[in-house]
Protein backbone atom coordinates (compact mmCIF):
# COMPACT_ATOMS: atom_id res chain seq x y z
CA MET A 1 27.89 12.24 -19.76
CA LEU A 2 31.04 10.55 -18.13
CA VAL A 3 30.09 11.62 -14.63
CA ARG A 4 26.10 10.36 -15.18
CA LEU A 5 28.07 6.93 -15.71
CA THR A 6 30.55 7.34 -12.73
CA TYR A 7 27.98 8.17 -10.57
CA LEU A 8 24.79 5.46 -12.06
CA ILE A 9 27.72 2.51 -11.68
CA ALA A 10 28.44 4.18 -8.53
CA THR A 11 24.81 4.11 -6.65
CA ARG A 12 25.36 0.36 -8.57
CA ILE A 13 27.55 -1.04 -6.66
CA PHE A 14 26.19 0.70 -3.37
CA ALA A 15 23.67 -0.81 -4.14
CA TRP A 16 25.01 -3.82 -4.42
CA LEU A 17 26.63 -4.17 -1.74
CA PHE A 18 23.54 -3.21 0.91
CA LEU A 19 21.28 -5.89 -1.27
CA MET A 20 24.26 -8.09 0.12
CA THR A 21 24.00 -6.80 3.70
CA ARG A 22 20.44 -8.00 4.05
CA SER A 23 18.48 -11.26 5.27
CA ALA A 24 17.35 -14.08 2.60
CA ALA A 25 13.78 -13.21 4.31
CA THR A 26 13.66 -9.47 3.53
CA LYS A 27 15.05 -10.45 -0.20
CA ASN A 28 12.36 -12.76 -1.00
CA VAL A 29 9.86 -10.86 0.20
CA GLU A 30 10.76 -7.75 -1.68
CA ILE A 31 10.23 -10.24 -4.60
CA LEU A 32 6.82 -11.26 -3.87
CA ILE A 33 5.95 -7.43 -3.55
CA LEU A 34 7.52 -7.09 -6.45
CA ARG A 35 5.79 -10.19 -8.36
CA HIS A 36 2.53 -9.23 -7.36
CA GLU A 37 2.92 -4.92 -8.47
CA LEU A 38 3.49 -6.28 -11.72
CA ALA A 39 0.65 -8.68 -11.80
CA VAL A 40 -1.20 -5.97 -10.69
CA LEU A 41 -0.13 -3.57 -13.54
CA ARG A 42 0.05 -6.35 -16.37
CA ARG A 43 -3.85 -5.98 -15.55
CA GLN A 44 -4.14 -2.48 -16.18
CA VAL A 45 -4.45 -0.46 -19.04
CA THR A 46 -4.31 3.13 -17.17
CA ALA A 47 -3.13 3.82 -13.83
CA PRO A 48 -3.28 0.08 -11.58
CA LYS A 49 -6.19 0.06 -9.68
CA PRO A 50 -5.93 -2.90 -7.39
CA GLY A 51 -8.45 -4.90 -5.69
CA TRP A 52 -8.96 -5.71 -2.78
CA PRO A 53 -7.29 -8.49 -2.23
CA ASP A 54 -4.28 -6.40 -4.63
CA ARG A 55 -4.64 -4.32 -1.57
CA ALA A 56 -4.71 -6.79 1.16
CA LEU A 57 -2.45 -8.99 0.17
CA LEU A 58 0.19 -5.94 -0.67
CA ALA A 59 -0.45 -4.41 3.13
CA VAL A 60 0.34 -6.72 4.60
CA LEU A 61 4.13 -8.66 2.52
CA THR A 62 4.97 -4.57 3.31
CA ARG A 63 5.22 -4.88 6.47
CA LEU A 64 7.36 -7.23 6.12
CA ILE A 65 10.60 -5.48 4.77
CA PRO A 66 12.31 -2.28 5.58
CA GLN A 67 11.54 1.21 6.22
CA ALA A 68 13.72 2.32 3.45
CA LEU A 69 12.39 -0.15 1.19
CA ARG A 70 8.47 1.15 1.90
CA GLU A 71 8.39 4.24 -0.09
CA ARG A 72 9.52 3.09 -3.16
CA ARG A 73 6.18 0.75 -3.99
CA ILE A 74 3.41 1.51 -5.92
CA VAL A 75 1.89 1.18 -2.29
CA SER A 76 3.06 3.50 -0.16
CA PRO A 77 2.48 4.11 3.64
CA ARG A 78 0.19 7.25 2.54
CA THR A 79 -1.85 4.55 0.60
CA LEU A 80 -2.35 2.33 3.19
CA LEU A 81 -3.54 4.60 5.77
CA ALA A 82 -5.91 5.75 3.03
CA TRP A 83 -7.23 2.32 2.42
CA HIS A 84 -7.87 1.77 6.20
CA ARG A 85 -9.37 4.90 6.54
CA ARG A 86 -11.95 4.17 3.41
CA LEU A 87 -12.08 0.66 4.39
CA VAL A 88 -13.52 2.14 8.16
CA LYS A 89 -15.59 4.36 6.33
CA GLN A 90 -17.12 1.87 4.84
CA LYS A 91 -17.69 -0.11 7.91
CA TRP A 92 -18.46 2.28 10.33
CA THR A 93 -21.47 4.37 8.91
CA GLN A 94 -24.80 3.98 9.55
CA PRO A 95 -27.78 4.85 7.41
CA PRO A 96 -29.51 8.36 7.25
CA SER A 97 -32.77 7.56 9.17
CA THR A 98 -35.59 7.65 7.21
CA GLY A 99 -38.61 9.89 8.42
CA ARG A 100 -39.78 12.61 11.80
CA PRO A 101 -37.70 11.52 14.50
CA PRO A 102 -40.01 10.11 17.87
CA LEU A 103 -41.41 12.31 20.37
CA PRO A 104 -39.42 12.10 23.57
CA GLU A 105 -42.52 10.19 25.50
CA GLU A 106 -43.66 12.93 27.90
CA SER A 107 -44.98 14.87 24.89
CA ALA A 108 -47.16 11.66 23.79
CA THR A 109 -49.47 12.08 26.32
């Protein structure tokens, strides 16, 4: 129990020291991300299902924080890539053609 308490205190102290070295802009962006994540989670009863505006805002704001902090968000880099792939797939898919394909012109005569 004492070892765990010492570990938790030490990690908090190091986290605070690290926090003091970061710029104010990075801290503000992280606060915006955390607030938006909380807003999304409060709207959900089950697993979070952010809508398109939520995903877009989180994707943009996530790019503004350091790489080490990106990995601890509910929106991981893998999630952002999956959203992008899904968006591209929806945007660039063509509906299947209906009916018989056209005949070449030389066989049409």
